[in-house]
Amino acid sequence: MLKDEGVGIHVIKALQKTPLKDAKGLTIVDGGTCPDIFYLLPEEIDKLIIVDAVRGGDEPGTIYRFNPKDITCKREIITSVHQLGIWESLINIENAEVNPKEIVIIGVEPKEIEWGLEISSELQKKVPQVIDLVMKEISR
């Protein structure tokens, strides 16, 4: 893993320890660097919430909330699955005809993108806030 690129898995691990009392039908999936994540998704999805590192140009730890239509993507040559991001996963989901009624992306501005399993202290401090945002999205 590339440190802050793994913020999503840290949020998932924390969510798995959180009582999700109002979350009937909730499925938590670790997409990691899986380009064919759509195979892990349930057939019918009302809302898909994606948590990932997102470079938006703000301070490390800045939290963003957006939808796929808000994404602009500059195409680069992909030489590794580690280079696949939200954009490619959304294209694969669409191509697989998995059509959630709503897709929300919660992104966190990374600080450290280098080899390692732990996220930076800036992002560690933001995990509870990201969990709160995910819980609000679940209840909407």
C-alpha atoms as a PDB file:
ATOM      1  CA  MET A   1       0.000   0.000   0.000  1.00  0.00           C
ATOM      2  CA  LEU A   2       1.010   3.587  -0.482  1.00  0.00           C
ATOM      3  CA  LYS A   3       0.315   5.063   2.976  1.00  0.00           C
ATOM      4  CA  ASP A   4      -2.407   7.723   2.557  1.00  0.00           C
ATOM      5  CA  GLU A   5      -3.727   5.998  -0.575  1.00  0.00           C
ATOM      6  CA  GLY A   6      -5.054   3.411   1.895  1.00  0.00           C
ATOM      7  CA  VAL A   7      -7.281   5.807   3.839  1.00  0.00           C
ATOM      8  CA  GLY A   8     -10.368   3.926   2.630  1.00  0.00           C
ATOM      9  CA  ILE A   9      -9.324   0.643   4.231  1.00  0.00           C
ATOM     10  CA  HIS A  10      -8.606   2.424   7.531  1.00  0.00           C
ATOM     11  CA  VAL A  11     -12.122   3.888   7.430  1.00  0.00           C
ATOM     12  CA  ILE A  12     -13.599   0.462   6.615  1.00  0.00           C
ATOM     13  CA  LYS A  13     -11.769  -1.160   9.540  1.00  0.00           C
ATOM     14  CA  ALA A  14     -13.080   1.541  11.876  1.00  0.00           C
ATOM     15  CA  LEU A  15     -16.615   1.200  10.442  1.00  0.00           C
ATOM     16  CA  GLN A  16     -16.553  -2.539  11.085  1.00  0.00           C
ATOM     17  CA  LYS A  17     -16.064  -1.735  14.797  1.00  0.00           C
ATOM     18  CA  THR A  18     -18.918   0.803  14.767  1.00  0.00           C
ATOM     19  CA  PRO A  19     -22.450  -0.309  15.663  1.00  0.00           C
ATOM     20  CA  LEU A  20     -24.500   0.264  12.529  1.00  0.00           C
ATOM     21  CA  LYS A  21     -27.962   0.056  14.100  1.00  0.00           C
ATOM     22  CA  ASP A  22     -29.918   1.805  11.319  1.00  0.00           C
ATOM     23  CA  ALA A  23     -28.099   0.181   8.429  1.00  0.00           C
ATOM     24  CA  LYS A  24     -30.296  -2.662   7.157  1.00  0.00           C
ATOM     25  CA  GLY A  25     -29.045  -3.963   3.860  1.00  0.00           C
ATOM     26  CA  LEU A  26     -25.637  -2.339   4.301  1.00  0.00           C
ATOM     27  CA  THR A  27     -22.700  -4.049   2.619  1.00  0.00           C
ATOM     28  CA  ILE A  28     -19.143  -2.868   3.278  1.00  0.00           C
ATOM     29  CA  VAL A  29     -16.663  -3.745   0.539  1.00  0.00           C
ATOM     30  CA  ASP A  30     -12.907  -3.168   0.471  1.00  0.00           C
ATOM     31  CA  GLY A  31     -12.219  -2.331  -3.165  1.00  0.00           C
ATOM     32  CA  GLY A  32      -8.491  -1.819  -2.623  1.00  0.00           C
ATOM     33  CA  THR A  33      -6.741  -1.824  -5.976  1.00  0.00           C
ATOM     34  CA  CYS A  34      -9.292  -4.218  -7.435  1.00  0.00           C
ATOM     35  CA  PRO A  35     -10.136  -3.012 -10.961  1.00  0.00           C
ATOM     36  CA  ASP A  36     -13.153  -5.320 -11.112  1.00  0.00           C
ATOM     37  CA  ILE A  37     -14.723  -4.293  -7.793  1.00  0.00           C
ATOM     38  CA  PHE A  38     -18.160  -4.458  -9.403  1.00  0.00           C
ATOM     39  CA  TYR A  39     -18.040  -8.244  -8.949  1.00  0.00           C
ATOM     40  CA  LEU A  40     -18.007  -7.671  -5.182  1.00  0.00           C
ATOM     41  CA  LEU A  41     -21.076  -5.406  -5.178  1.00  0.00           C
ATOM     42  CA  PRO A  42     -24.630  -6.600  -4.507  1.00  0.00           C
ATOM     43  CA  GLU A  43     -26.912  -6.719  -7.559  1.00  0.00           C
ATOM     44  CA  GLU A  44     -29.195  -3.907  -6.474  1.00  0.00           C
ATOM     45  CA  ILE A  45     -27.672  -0.842  -4.898  1.00  0.00           C
ATOM     46  CA  ASP A  46     -29.564   2.227  -3.782  1.00  0.00           C
ATOM     47  CA  LYS A  47     -26.472   4.170  -2.734  1.00  0.00           C
ATOM     48  CA  LEU A  48     -22.801   3.478  -3.284  1.00  0.00           C
ATOM     49  CA  ILE A  49     -20.469   5.382  -0.951  1.00  0.00           C
ATOM     50  CA  ILE A  50     -16.814   5.371  -1.959  1.00  0.00           C
ATOM     51  CA  VAL A  51     -14.087   6.496   0.451  1.00  0.00           C
ATOM     52  CA  ASP A  52     -10.675   7.102  -1.085  1.00  0.00           C
ATOM     53  CA  ALA A  53      -7.681   9.399  -1.212  1.00  0.00           C
ATOM     54  CA  VAL A  54      -8.388  12.254  -3.610  1.00  0.00           C
ATOM     55  CA  ARG A  55      -5.991  14.914  -4.802  1.00  0.00           C
ATOM     56  CA  GLY A  56      -7.944  18.138  -4.879  1.00  0.00           C
ATOM     57  CA  GLY A  57      -5.060  20.500  -4.198  1.00  0.00           C
ATOM     58  CA  ASP A  58      -5.997  21.513  -0.650  1.00  0.00           C
ATOM     59  CA  GLU A  59      -4.217  20.870   2.635  1.00  0.00           C
ATOM     60  CA  PRO A  60      -3.567  17.225   3.622  1.00  0.00           C
ATOM     61  CA  GLY A  61      -6.581  15.874   5.502  1.00  0.00           C
ATOM     62  CA  THR A  62      -9.092  18.061   3.652  1.00  0.00           C
ATOM     63  CA  ILE A  63     -12.306  16.091   3.183  1.00  0.00           C
ATOM     64  CA  TYR A  64     -14.271  16.332  -0.056  1.00  0.00           C
ATOM     65  CA  ARG A  65     -17.782  15.118  -0.884  1.00  0.00           C
ATOM     66  CA  PHE A  66     -18.722  14.859  -4.528  1.00  0.00           C
ATOM     67  CA  ASN A  67     -20.480  12.809  -7.196  1.00  0.00           C
ATOM     68  CA  PRO A  68     -19.090  11.140 -10.344  1.00  0.00           C
ATOM     69  CA  LYS A  69     -20.343  13.989 -12.536  1.00  0.00           C
ATOM     70  CA  ASP A  70     -18.000  16.303 -10.612  1.00  0.00           C
ATOM     71  CA  ILE A  71     -14.893  14.369 -11.700  1.00  0.00           C
ATOM     72  CA  THR A  72     -12.623  15.590 -14.428  1.00  0.00           C
ATOM     73  CA  CYS A  73     -10.007  13.068 -15.384  1.00  0.00           C
ATOM     74  CA  LYS A  74      -6.692  13.540 -17.124  1.00  0.00           C
ATOM     75  CA  ARG A  75      -5.851  10.244 -18.786  1.00  0.00           C
ATOM     76  CA  GLU A  76      -2.399   8.793 -18.251  1.00  0.00           C
ATOM     77  CA  ILE A  77      -0.817   5.581 -19.420  1.00  0.00           C
ATOM     78  CA  ILE A  78      -1.628   2.903 -16.850  1.00  0.00           C
ATOM     79  CA  THR A  79       1.151   0.420 -16.159  1.00  0.00           C
ATOM     80  CA  SER A  80      -0.051  -1.014 -12.821  1.00  0.00           C
ATOM     81  CA  VAL A  81      -3.345  -1.649 -11.019  1.00  0.00           C
ATOM     82  CA  HIS A  82      -2.029   0.733  -8.352  1.00  0.00           C
ATOM     83  CA  GLN A  83      -2.602   3.516 -10.875  1.00  0.00           C
ATOM     84  CA  LEU A  84      -6.285   2.686 -11.244  1.00  0.00           C
ATOM     85  CA  GLY A  85      -8.475   5.089  -9.380  1.00  0.00           C
ATOM     86  CA  ILE A  86     -12.055   6.041  -8.741  1.00  0.00           C
ATOM     87  CA  TRP A  87     -12.612   7.044 -12.366  1.00  0.00           C
ATOM     88  CA  GLU A  88     -11.654   3.623 -13.750  1.00  0.00           C
ATOM     89  CA  SER A  89     -13.697   1.813 -11.095  1.00  0.00           C
ATOM     90  CA  LEU A  90     -16.769   3.904 -11.947  1.00  0.00           C
ATOM     91  CA  ILE A  91     -16.324   3.137 -15.644  1.00  0.00           C
ATOM     92  CA  ASN A  92     -16.076  -0.587 -14.853  1.00  0.00           C
ATOM     93  CA  ILE A  93     -19.188  -0.410 -12.663  1.00  0.00           C
ATOM     94  CA  GLU A  94     -21.085   1.328 -15.453  1.00  0.00           C
ATOM     95  CA  ASN A  95     -19.836  -1.158 -18.073  1.00  0.00           C
ATOM     96  CA  ALA A  96     -20.936  -4.054 -15.852  1.00  0.00           C
ATOM     97  CA  GLU A  97     -24.392  -2.470 -15.765  1.00  0.00           C
ATOM     98  CA  VAL A  98     -24.322  -2.078 -11.995  1.00  0.00           C
ATOM     99  CA  ASN A  99     -26.334   1.093 -11.652  1.00  0.00           C
ATOM    100  CA  PRO A 100     -26.607   2.472  -8.145  1.00  0.00           C
ATOM    101  CA  LYS A 101     -29.346   5.071  -7.796  1.00  0.00           C
ATOM    102  CA  GLU A 102     -26.812   7.385  -6.168  1.00  0.00           C
ATOM    103  CA  ILE A 103     -23.019   7.437  -5.919  1.00  0.00           C
ATOM    104  CA  VAL A 104     -21.299   9.596  -3.318  1.00  0.00           C
ATOM    105  CA  ILE A 105     -17.535   9.902  -3.088  1.00  0.00           C
ATOM    106  CA  ILE A 106     -15.900  11.001   0.132  1.00  0.00           C
ATOM    107  CA  GLY A 107     -12.307  11.875  -0.615  1.00  0.00           C
ATOM    108  CA  VAL A 108      -9.484  12.809   1.705  1.00  0.00           C
ATOM    109  CA  GLU A 109      -6.511  14.859   0.516  1.00  0.00           C
ATOM    110  CA  PRO A 110      -3.394  12.688   1.002  1.00  0.00           C
ATOM    111  CA  LYS A 111      -0.098  13.852   2.444  1.00  0.00           C
ATOM    112  CA  GLU A 112       2.197  10.843   2.087  1.00  0.00           C
ATOM    113  CA  ILE A 113       2.095   8.695  -1.042  1.00  0.00           C
ATOM    114  CA  GLU A 114       4.997   6.347  -0.453  1.00  0.00           C
ATOM    115  CA  TRP A 115       5.381   2.696   0.540  1.00  0.00           C
ATOM    116  CA  GLY A 116       3.910   1.873   3.921  1.00  0.00           C
ATOM    117  CA  LEU A 117       0.794   0.568   5.634  1.00  0.00           C
ATOM    118  CA  GLU A 118       0.027   3.399   8.049  1.00  0.00           C
ATOM    119  CA  ILE A 119      -1.647   6.637   7.055  1.00  0.00           C
ATOM    120  CA  SER A 120      -0.164  10.000   8.031  1.00  0.00           C
ATOM    121  CA  SER A 121      -1.118  11.570  11.361  1.00  0.00           C
ATOM    122  CA  GLU A 122      -3.116  14.228   9.479  1.00  0.00           C
ATOM    123  CA  LEU A 123      -5.339  11.554   7.946  1.00  0.00           C
ATOM    124  CA  GLN A 124      -5.508   9.472  11.146  1.00  0.00           C
ATOM    125  CA  LYS A 125      -7.060  12.490  12.852  1.00  0.00           C
ATOM    126  CA  LYS A 126      -9.678  12.739  10.073  1.00  0.00           C
ATOM    127  CA  VAL A 127     -10.877   9.103  10.153  1.00  0.00           C
ATOM    128  CA  PRO A 128     -13.570   9.768  12.830  1.00  0.00           C
ATOM    129  CA  GLN A 129     -14.880  12.724  10.805  1.00  0.00           C
ATOM    130  CA  VAL A 130     -14.997  10.600   7.639  1.00  0.00           C
ATOM    131  CA  ILE A 131     -16.901   7.894   9.556  1.00  0.00           C
ATOM    132  CA  ASP A 132     -19.410  10.541  10.711  1.00  0.00           C
ATOM    133  CA  LEU A 133     -19.898  11.620   7.077  1.00  0.00           C
ATOM    134  CA  VAL A 134     -20.381   8.009   5.956  1.00  0.00           C
ATOM    135  CA  MET A 135     -22.936   7.445   8.733  1.00  0.00           C
ATOM    136  CA  LYS A 136     -24.842  10.584   7.652  1.00  0.00           C
ATOM    137  CA  GLU A 137     -24.849   9.338   4.045  1.00  0.00           C
ATOM    138  CA  ILE A 138     -26.151   5.943   5.177  1.00  0.00           C
ATOM    139  CA  SER A 139     -29.019   7.551   7.058  1.00  0.00           C
ATOM    140  CA  ARG A 140     -30.069   9.788   4.136  1.00  0.00           C
END
